[in-house]
């Protein structure tokens, strides 16, 4: 199994601390840096006038799993610049609806086009093959036997409680939820990369297999 898998890594074992930059002259990167990314927002669609205004939702928390550092790194809104630089440092960013949603949320914070980042979005590949969308939780449940720890609406309520009370425990709940989504995103992608398929249920309720070609090397820029 590829060492980047970390399929059974514990959320609690990884300390989300700011990245420590290393002298490029002391260490030469031999493996690609794959970042698995998800974020939670401050506002929902009803708060900003509909889904056409995703760019107004504002970042609450962003989390990446760094394949080289083998840890989660957590960013709050005040760390948006650091998150953007982190994403820019990746050889590949992997997410689920990351292009349509997460990047749209982050674009107002950026001074560059986030679509310049080399990115693989699983939801787009699944839609291309099936002609309909499947939720991350659906694919995780039938492929990994795993489920999200909450949902986005609950996360929004936690953020409102944090704003109202200033109680950091609500932010910690959002961070834990976002980490779990990153864990599921990572493990689903790497399961597909290793096995060449993911599982799902059809609309009629039948078990089905979707063949995928998610080998990491397929998505990396060609090295000169």
Protein backbone atom coordinates (compact mmCIF):
# COMPACT_ATOMS: atom_id res chain seq x y z
CA UNK A 1 0.00 0.00 0.00
CA UNK A 2 1.29 3.45 -0.90
CA UNK A 3 2.71 5.23 2.16
CA UNK A 4 0.54 8.23 1.36
CA UNK A 5 -2.59 6.22 2.13
CA UNK A 6 -2.67 6.51 5.89
CA UNK A 7 -6.11 4.97 5.61
CA UNK A 8 -6.45 4.27 9.28
CA UNK A 9 -4.79 7.42 10.61
CA UNK A 10 -6.44 8.86 13.69
CA UNK A 11 -7.80 12.38 13.68
CA UNK A 12 -6.49 12.90 17.19
CA UNK A 13 -2.93 11.82 16.41
CA UNK A 14 -2.27 14.72 14.07
CA UNK A 15 -1.60 18.15 15.52
CA UNK A 16 -2.94 20.98 13.38
CA UNK A 17 -0.18 23.53 13.80
CA UNK A 18 1.14 26.16 11.38
CA UNK A 19 3.50 24.84 8.73
CA UNK A 20 7.20 25.20 9.49
CA UNK A 21 9.05 26.17 6.33
CA UNK A 22 12.23 24.24 5.67
CA UNK A 23 15.31 25.42 3.86
CA UNK A 24 14.96 24.18 0.29
CA UNK A 25 18.70 23.66 0.20
CA UNK A 26 18.57 21.20 3.08
CA UNK A 27 15.82 18.96 1.81
CA UNK A 28 14.93 18.03 -1.73
CA UNK A 29 11.36 16.92 -2.25
CA UNK A 30 11.36 13.42 -3.75
CA UNK A 31 7.68 12.58 -3.36
CA UNK A 32 4.86 14.75 -4.68
CA UNK A 33 3.00 16.91 -2.20
CA UNK A 34 -0.66 15.87 -2.34
CA UNK A 35 -3.06 18.01 -0.34
CA UNK A 36 -6.54 16.75 0.50
CA UNK A 37 -8.67 19.81 1.16
CA UNK A 38 -12.06 20.79 2.52
CA UNK A 39 -13.52 23.87 4.14
CA UNK A 40 -16.55 24.97 6.11
CA UNK A 41 -18.24 28.32 5.67
CA UNK A 42 -19.62 31.03 7.91
CA UNK A 43 -22.83 31.40 5.91
CA UNK A 44 -25.18 29.12 4.01
CA UNK A 45 -27.01 29.63 0.72
CA UNK A 46 -30.03 31.19 2.43
CA UNK A 47 -27.79 33.74 4.14
CA UNK A 48 -26.28 35.04 0.89
CA UNK A 49 -29.25 35.01 -1.48
CA UNK A 50 -28.84 31.59 -3.07
CA UNK A 51 -26.27 29.26 -4.57
CA UNK A 52 -25.24 31.84 -7.16
CA UNK A 53 -23.49 33.69 -4.33
CA UNK A 54 -21.15 31.02 -2.98
CA UNK A 55 -18.37 33.61 -3.14
CA UNK A 56 -20.11 35.52 -0.32
CA UNK A 57 -20.26 32.61 2.14
CA UNK A 58 -16.87 33.31 3.76
CA UNK A 59 -14.45 30.76 5.11
CA UNK A 60 -14.91 29.56 8.69
CA UNK A 61 -12.36 26.74 8.74
CA UNK A 62 -10.16 25.08 6.13
CA UNK A 63 -8.29 21.82 6.65
CA UNK A 64 -5.67 20.08 4.55
CA UNK A 65 -4.01 16.71 4.93
CA UNK A 66 -0.43 17.00 3.67
CA UNK A 67 0.91 13.75 2.25
CA UNK A 68 4.54 14.76 2.82
CA UNK A 69 4.14 16.00 6.37
CA UNK A 70 1.58 13.28 7.17
CA UNK A 71 -0.59 15.58 9.24
CA UNK A 72 -3.66 17.77 9.22
CA UNK A 73 -3.20 21.53 9.13
CA UNK A 74 -6.08 23.74 10.20
CA UNK A 75 -6.71 27.31 9.04
CA UNK A 76 -9.24 29.88 10.23
CA UNK A 77 -10.38 32.90 8.25
CA UNK A 78 -7.51 35.02 9.54
CA UNK A 79 -5.15 32.38 8.11
CA UNK A 80 -6.65 32.53 4.60
CA UNK A 81 -3.42 33.81 3.02
CA UNK A 82 -1.45 30.95 4.55
CA UNK A 83 -4.02 28.44 3.31
CA UNK A 84 -3.85 29.83 -0.20
CA UNK A 85 -0.06 29.62 -0.23
CA UNK A 86 -0.28 26.07 1.08
CA UNK A 87 -2.65 25.08 -1.72
CA UNK A 88 -0.37 26.76 -4.22
CA UNK A 89 2.59 24.70 -2.95
CA UNK A 90 0.92 21.39 -3.82
CA UNK A 91 1.76 19.19 -6.74
CA UNK A 92 -1.89 18.14 -6.58
CA UNK A 93 -4.93 19.20 -4.56
CA UNK A 94 -7.68 16.59 -4.20
CA UNK A 95 -11.18 17.42 -3.07
CA UNK A 96 -14.85 16.68 -3.48
CA UNK A 97 -16.71 19.57 -5.12
CA UNK A 98 -13.58 21.58 -4.43
CA UNK A 99 -13.60 23.44 -7.75
CA UNK A 100 -17.26 24.43 -7.73
CA UNK A 101 -17.57 25.18 -4.03
CA UNK A 102 -14.38 25.46 -1.95
CA UNK A 103 -12.40 27.42 -4.53
CA UNK A 104 -15.38 29.72 -5.14
CA UNK A 105 -15.53 30.48 -1.41
CA UNK A 106 -11.78 31.13 -1.27
CA UNK A 107 -11.45 33.18 -4.47
CA UNK A 108 -12.30 36.55 -2.83
CA UNK A 109 -9.34 36.04 -0.47
CA UNK A 110 -6.91 35.31 -3.31
CA UNK A 111 -4.82 37.53 -5.56
CA UNK A 112 -4.56 34.78 -8.18
CA UNK A 113 -7.00 32.49 -9.96
CA UNK A 114 -7.42 29.34 -7.87
CA UNK A 115 -8.12 27.39 -11.05
CA UNK A 116 -4.39 27.69 -11.75
CA UNK A 117 -3.81 25.14 -8.97
CA UNK A 118 -3.42 21.57 -10.23
CA UNK A 119 -6.60 20.00 -8.84
CA UNK A 120 -8.54 16.76 -9.09
CA UNK A 121 -12.21 17.03 -8.12
CA UNK A 122 -13.80 13.63 -7.58
CA UNK A 123 -17.36 14.87 -7.97
CA UNK A 124 -16.64 16.03 -11.52
CA UNK A 125 -15.16 12.67 -12.49
CA UNK A 126 -18.09 10.77 -10.97
CA UNK A 127 -20.58 13.03 -12.77
CA UNK A 128 -18.73 12.60 -16.06
CA UNK A 129 -19.07 8.83 -15.79
CA UNK A 130 -22.58 8.52 -14.34
CA UNK A 131 -24.24 11.71 -15.64
CA UNK A 132 -25.57 12.37 -12.15
CA UNK A 133 -23.99 13.40 -8.87
CA UNK A 134 -23.36 11.33 -5.79
CA UNK A 135 -22.65 12.79 -2.37
CA UNK A 136 -19.34 12.24 -0.63
CA UNK A 137 -21.17 10.59 2.25
CA UNK A 138 -22.89 8.17 -0.14
CA UNK A 139 -19.65 7.04 -1.77
CA UNK A 140 -17.85 6.81 1.57
CA UNK A 141 -20.62 4.74 3.12
CA UNK A 142 -20.74 2.14 0.35
CA UNK A 143 -17.01 2.12 -0.45
CA UNK A 144 -15.31 2.59 2.92
CA UNK A 145 -18.06 1.81 5.41
CA UNK A 146 -17.47 5.31 6.77
CA UNK A 147 -19.79 8.26 7.26
CA UNK A 148 -19.47 11.98 7.82
CA UNK A 149 -19.61 13.02 11.46
CA UNK A 150 -22.24 15.72 10.82
CA UNK A 151 -23.49 17.83 7.91
CA UNK A 152 -22.94 21.32 6.59
CA UNK A 153 -26.13 22.71 8.11
CA UNK A 154 -25.03 21.64 11.58
CA UNK A 155 -21.64 23.26 10.98
CA UNK A 156 -23.38 26.53 10.09
CA UNK A 157 -25.34 26.40 13.34
CA UNK A 158 -22.11 25.83 15.27
CA UNK A 159 -20.59 28.88 13.62
CA UNK A 160 -23.58 31.03 14.52
CA UNK A 161 -23.26 29.87 18.12
CA UNK A 162 -19.56 30.71 18.05
CA UNK A 163 -20.32 34.21 16.74
CA UNK A 164 -23.02 34.72 19.35
CA UNK A 165 -21.17 33.38 22.36
CA UNK A 166 -17.47 33.44 21.48
CA UNK A 167 -17.30 29.90 22.83
CA UNK A 168 -14.28 28.24 21.18
CA UNK A 169 -15.80 24.79 21.69
CA UNK A 170 -18.10 25.47 18.74
CA UNK A 171 -15.11 26.22 16.51
CA UNK A 172 -13.48 23.02 17.72
CA UNK A 173 -16.58 21.10 16.64
CA UNK A 174 -16.36 22.64 13.18
CA UNK A 175 -12.66 21.80 12.95
CA UNK A 176 -13.26 18.19 13.97
CA UNK A 177 -16.09 17.88 11.42
CA UNK A 178 -13.94 19.39 8.67
CA UNK A 179 -11.03 17.07 9.52
CA UNK A 180 -13.35 14.09 9.26
CA UNK A 181 -14.47 15.23 5.81
CA UNK A 182 -10.83 15.56 4.74
CA UNK A 183 -10.10 12.09 6.11
CA UNK A 184 -13.01 10.62 4.13
CA UNK A 185 -12.02 12.56 1.00
CA UNK A 186 -8.44 11.27 1.25
CA UNK A 187 -9.40 7.67 1.95
CA UNK A 188 -12.03 7.54 -0.80
CA UNK A 189 -9.60 8.91 -3.38
CA UNK A 190 -6.81 6.58 -2.33
CA UNK A 191 -9.13 3.58 -2.27
CA UNK A 192 -10.08 4.37 -5.86
CA UNK A 193 -6.44 4.93 -6.79
CA UNK A 194 -5.41 1.56 -5.32
CA UNK A 195 -8.40 -0.54 -6.39
CA UNK A 196 -9.69 1.08 -9.57
CA UNK A 197 -13.30 1.35 -8.39
CA UNK A 198 -15.68 2.84 -5.85
CA UNK A 199 -19.05 1.50 -4.75
CA UNK A 200 -22.45 3.14 -4.78
CA UNK A 201 -26.18 2.46 -4.79
CA UNK A 202 -28.24 3.08 -7.91
CA UNK A 203 -31.43 5.12 -7.76
CA UNK A 204 -33.28 1.81 -7.72
CA UNK A 205 -31.34 0.76 -4.62
CA UNK A 206 -29.10 -1.82 -6.28
CA UNK A 207 -25.43 -2.22 -5.37
CA UNK A 208 -23.18 -0.93 -8.13
CA UNK A 209 -19.49 -0.51 -8.91
CA UNK A 210 -18.03 2.53 -10.65
CA UNK A 211 -14.69 1.94 -12.31
CA UNK A 212 -12.26 4.83 -11.83
CA UNK A 213 -8.73 5.61 -12.95
CA UNK A 214 -7.46 7.67 -10.05
CA UNK A 215 -3.79 6.73 -10.09
CA UNK A 216 -1.98 9.71 -8.61
CA UNK A 217 0.55 9.87 -11.43
CA UNK A 218 -2.30 10.55 -13.87
CA UNK A 219 -2.87 13.95 -12.28
CA UNK A 220 0.66 15.14 -11.61
CA UNK A 221 2.38 17.65 -13.87
CA UNK A 222 5.10 16.12 -16.00
CA UNK A 223 8.48 16.65 -14.41
CA UNK A 224 11.24 17.90 -16.65
